[in-house]
Amino acid sequence: MNKSIILLALLLLGIAPIYGGLTLVPTGLSPGDSYHLVFVTSASTTALSTDIDDYNAIVQSAADNSVLASLGATWTAIASTPSVDARDNVGGVGLDLSNSIFTVQDSLVATSEADLFNGSILAPINADELDNTSISAFVWTGSQSGANGLGESGRQLGSTSGNSLIVGSTDFSDDRWMFAGSIFGNSQARLYGISSVLTVPVVPEPSSYLLFGIGLFSLSFYRRTKKSS
């Protein structure tokens, strides 16, 4: 069955949509509320490219090959290259300053974009798109200590200055989630992916259910009558 249909059906029944442990609509939100999801990729990559779109493509592909595809979101990397800072890359897909950000395991990470980039976060980003949890890994960020969303000069992803490049760590919710150390760009590390704005679907009023049910019953009755005639 189409995953989007399953998602809608669960929402109509008032059940938080969960696929294999991944929570696609965070608990506690109401119909019409907007939010973002964030995960760490299950696959690793090098950081040799200077093109931010290469890293965006990696996180988008990870989401598209998981149950997250049912959300139809655009996913981008929380990462900086020499020409694009992480906060600008994330903002480029419509990160709303007022929306909360959750992991795919239903943990609140930040209450807004400003909160995401103010240093610490509320919970580690340590779950991937395949429902692996409590992941301990380095993550390419190329961004400054303090997590203000700006690139660390000469140490962003793809930098060719000869310096090792900045990584964060899934083990932490303090500023080390973004700046935990550095490794050479030809090493392997993961990426953080964040969604564009997602909105909790508005559930129809009970009267809509009644009309829908009457319609289905009438159609079924008509078909049975036609067959018997």
Protein backbone atom coordinates (compact mmCIF):
# COMPACT_ATOMS: atom_id res chain seq x y z
CA MET A 1 0.00 0.00 0.00
CA ASN A 2 1.19 3.55 -0.76
CA LYS A 3 3.00 5.00 2.27
CA SER A 4 1.27 8.37 1.90
CA ILE A 5 -2.12 6.63 2.19
CA ILE A 6 -0.96 4.82 5.33
CA LEU A 7 0.26 8.12 6.78
CA LEU A 8 -3.08 9.82 6.16
CA ALA A 9 -5.03 6.86 7.53
CA LEU A 10 -3.06 6.88 10.75
CA LEU A 11 -3.55 10.61 11.14
CA LEU A 12 -7.29 10.27 10.58
CA LEU A 13 -7.40 7.69 13.36
CA GLY A 14 -5.46 10.00 15.67
CA ILE A 15 -2.43 7.71 15.78
CA ALA A 16 1.08 9.19 15.60
CA PRO A 17 2.53 7.79 12.35
CA ILE A 18 5.42 5.51 13.26
CA TYR A 19 7.25 3.33 10.75
CA GLY A 20 9.68 0.85 12.26
CA GLY A 21 10.28 3.22 15.15
CA LEU A 22 10.56 6.42 13.09
CA THR A 23 8.07 9.07 14.19
CA LEU A 24 7.05 11.13 11.18
CA VAL A 25 4.70 13.43 13.10
CA PRO A 26 6.03 14.34 16.56
CA THR A 27 3.72 13.70 19.49
CA GLY A 28 2.09 16.69 21.11
CA LEU A 29 1.56 18.62 17.88
CA SER A 30 -1.88 19.62 16.65
CA PRO A 31 -3.33 19.59 13.12
CA GLY A 32 -1.95 22.55 11.21
CA ASP A 33 1.24 22.80 13.32
CA SER A 34 4.52 23.06 11.40
CA TYR A 35 7.80 21.40 12.32
CA HIS A 36 11.08 20.01 10.97
CA LEU A 37 12.72 16.59 11.31
CA VAL A 38 16.43 15.91 11.54
CA PHE A 39 18.51 12.73 11.27
CA VAL A 40 22.08 11.55 10.80
CA THR A 41 22.78 9.60 7.63
CA SER A 42 23.36 5.88 7.88
CA ALA A 43 26.05 6.09 5.19
CA SER A 44 29.36 7.91 5.41
CA THR A 45 31.13 10.06 2.83
CA THR A 46 34.32 12.03 2.31
CA ALA A 47 34.34 15.85 2.46
CA LEU A 48 36.43 16.59 -0.63
CA SER A 49 33.74 18.43 -2.61
CA THR A 50 33.38 22.21 -2.36
CA ASP A 51 29.82 22.04 -3.71
CA ILE A 52 27.15 22.11 -0.99
CA ASP A 53 24.68 20.53 -3.41
CA ASP A 54 26.74 17.31 -3.32
CA TYR A 55 26.12 17.00 0.43
CA ASN A 56 22.48 18.00 0.06
CA ALA A 57 22.08 15.24 -2.53
CA ILE A 58 23.47 12.68 -0.09
CA VAL A 59 20.98 13.49 2.67
CA GLN A 60 18.12 13.77 0.17
CA SER A 61 18.97 10.34 -1.25
CA ALA A 62 19.13 8.84 2.25
CA ALA A 63 15.66 10.20 3.05
CA ASP A 64 14.23 9.20 -0.33
CA ASN A 65 15.35 5.61 0.20
CA SER A 66 13.62 5.32 3.55
CA VAL A 67 10.13 5.79 4.97
CA LEU A 68 10.90 9.51 5.17
CA ALA A 69 10.17 9.66 1.44
CA SER A 70 6.44 9.56 2.28
CA LEU A 71 6.73 13.09 3.67
CA GLY A 72 7.70 14.56 0.29
CA ALA A 73 10.16 16.93 1.98
CA THR A 74 13.31 18.59 0.73
CA TRP A 75 16.28 17.58 2.86
CA THR A 76 19.54 19.50 3.23
CA ALA A 77 22.81 19.01 5.06
CA ILE A 78 23.60 21.00 8.20
CA ALA A 79 27.06 21.72 6.86
CA SER A 80 29.31 24.53 5.64
CA THR A 81 31.50 24.75 2.54
CA PRO A 82 33.85 27.64 1.65
CA SER A 83 31.03 29.42 -0.18
CA VAL A 84 27.91 28.45 1.84
CA ASP A 85 27.41 28.56 5.62
CA ALA A 86 25.29 25.90 7.28
CA ARG A 87 22.65 28.38 8.44
CA ASP A 88 22.23 29.72 4.90
CA ASN A 89 22.07 26.24 3.39
CA VAL A 90 19.41 25.18 5.87
CA GLY A 91 17.49 28.44 5.47
CA GLY A 92 17.54 28.02 1.72
CA VAL A 93 14.92 25.27 1.93
CA GLY A 94 12.59 27.29 4.11
CA LEU A 95 13.56 26.58 7.69
CA ASP A 96 11.01 28.61 9.60
CA LEU A 97 12.51 30.51 12.52
CA SER A 98 9.49 29.71 14.68
CA ASN A 99 9.20 25.96 14.08
CA SER A 100 10.44 23.27 16.44
CA ILE A 101 12.91 20.65 15.24
CA PHE A 102 12.63 16.98 16.22
CA THR A 103 14.68 13.84 15.65
CA VAL A 104 13.04 10.96 13.78
CA GLN A 105 12.83 9.30 17.20
CA ASP A 106 10.50 12.04 18.51
CA SER A 107 13.08 13.93 20.60
CA LEU A 108 12.90 17.73 20.63
CA VAL A 109 16.22 19.10 19.34
CA ALA A 110 15.49 22.84 19.16
CA THR A 111 12.51 25.15 19.42
CA SER A 112 13.53 27.25 16.40
CA GLU A 113 16.35 27.83 13.90
CA ALA A 114 17.90 30.33 16.30
CA ASP A 115 17.79 27.71 19.06
CA LEU A 116 19.39 25.14 16.74
CA PHE A 117 22.39 27.40 16.16
CA ASN A 118 22.85 28.91 19.61
CA GLY A 119 25.46 26.43 20.80
CA SER A 120 23.83 23.47 22.51
CA ILE A 121 20.80 21.50 21.41
CA LEU A 122 18.17 19.80 23.57
CA ALA A 123 18.91 16.22 22.47
CA PRO A 124 21.67 14.54 20.43
CA ILE A 125 20.96 13.86 16.77
CA ASN A 126 21.87 10.18 16.91
CA ALA A 127 19.14 8.36 14.95
CA ASP A 128 19.36 7.65 11.24
CA GLU A 129 16.80 7.24 8.46
CA LEU A 130 16.83 3.45 8.85
CA ASP A 131 15.75 3.48 12.50
CA ASN A 132 19.22 2.83 13.92
CA THR A 133 19.48 4.64 17.23
CA SER A 134 22.10 5.70 19.77
CA ILE A 135 24.61 6.06 16.95
CA SER A 136 28.10 7.15 17.97
CA ALA A 137 29.82 8.72 14.97
CA PHE A 138 31.60 11.76 13.58
CA VAL A 139 29.51 14.00 11.33
CA TRP A 140 30.84 16.43 8.72
CA THR A 141 29.83 20.01 9.58
CA GLY A 142 32.71 22.34 8.61
CA SER A 143 31.22 24.82 11.06
CA GLN A 144 32.43 26.95 13.93
CA SER A 145 32.47 26.13 17.61
CA GLY A 146 29.43 27.62 19.29
CA ALA A 147 27.20 26.24 16.53
CA ASN A 148 26.22 29.67 15.19
CA GLY A 149 25.83 28.14 11.77
CA LEU A 150 28.86 29.83 10.23
CA GLY A 151 31.66 27.94 8.53
CA GLU A 152 35.04 27.56 10.24
CA SER A 153 37.37 29.45 7.91
CA GLY A 154 39.76 27.16 6.05
CA ARG A 155 38.18 24.07 7.61
CA GLN A 156 34.81 23.90 5.88
CA LEU A 157 33.92 20.85 3.79
CA GLY A 158 35.99 20.85 0.61
CA SER A 159 38.61 23.29 1.92
CA THR A 160 41.99 22.83 0.25
CA SER A 161 44.15 24.73 2.74
CA GLY A 162 45.68 21.50 4.00
CA ASN A 163 43.96 21.72 7.37
CA SER A 164 41.79 18.91 8.62
CA LEU A 165 38.07 19.65 8.42
CA ILE A 166 35.54 20.15 11.21
CA VAL A 167 33.31 17.33 12.39
CA GLY A 168 30.61 17.19 15.03
CA SER A 169 29.63 14.14 17.06
CA THR A 170 26.32 12.37 17.57
CA ASP A 171 27.38 11.67 21.17
CA PHE A 172 26.77 15.23 22.34
CA SER A 173 24.08 17.87 22.73
CA ASP A 174 26.47 20.66 23.77
CA ASP A 175 28.40 22.58 21.08
CA ARG A 176 30.30 19.41 20.21
CA TRP A 177 27.29 18.23 18.21
CA MET A 178 28.61 20.71 15.63
CA PHE A 179 32.31 21.09 16.54
CA ALA A 180 33.86 18.02 18.16
CA GLY A 181 37.23 18.06 16.41
CA SER A 182 38.69 17.67 12.95
CA ILE A 183 39.72 14.93 10.55
CA PHE A 184 41.15 14.94 7.05
CA GLY A 185 38.71 15.43 4.21
CA ASN A 186 39.42 12.06 2.63
CA SER A 187 38.21 10.34 5.80
CA GLN A 188 34.70 8.94 6.14
CA ALA A 189 32.03 10.60 8.29
CA ARG A 190 28.26 11.04 8.22
CA LEU A 191 26.04 14.06 7.60
CA TYR A 192 23.14 15.67 9.45
CA GLY A 193 20.02 16.06 7.31
CA ILE A 194 17.15 18.44 8.08
CA SER A 195 13.76 18.69 6.40
CA SER A 196 11.95 21.60 4.86
CA VAL A 197 8.80 22.74 6.68
CA LEU A 198 6.39 19.90 7.43
CA THR A 199 2.80 20.44 8.54
CA VAL A 200 0.56 18.14 10.54
CA PRO A 201 -2.42 17.39 8.27
CA VAL A 202 -5.77 18.77 9.35
CA VAL A 203 -8.05 15.87 10.31
CA PRO A 204 -11.59 16.13 8.89
CA GLU A 205 -14.48 16.87 11.27
CA PRO A 206 -16.60 13.88 12.43
CA SER A 207 -19.34 14.97 10.01
CA SER A 208 -16.89 14.43 7.17
CA TYR A 209 -16.38 10.84 8.31
CA LEU A 210 -20.14 10.33 8.35
CA LEU A 211 -20.57 11.66 4.83
CA PHE A 212 -17.64 9.58 3.63
CA GLY A 213 -19.14 6.47 5.23
CA ILE A 214 -22.56 7.14 3.71
CA GLY A 215 -20.92 7.57 0.32
CA LEU A 216 -19.09 4.26 0.58
CA PHE A 217 -22.23 2.46 1.75
CA SER A 218 -24.31 3.95 -1.10
CA LEU A 219 -21.71 2.94 -3.67
CA SER A 220 -21.53 -0.59 -2.30
CA PHE A 221 -25.36 -0.87 -2.25
CA TYR A 222 -25.61 0.43 -5.81
CA ARG A 223 -23.08 -2.10 -7.07
CA ARG A 224 -24.84 -5.02 -5.35
CA THR A 225 -28.23 -3.90 -6.71
CA LYS A 226 -26.86 -3.57 -10.23
CA LYS A 227 -25.32 -7.06 -10.13
CA SER A 228 -28.59 -8.64 -8.95
CA SER A 229 -30.69 -6.98 -11.66
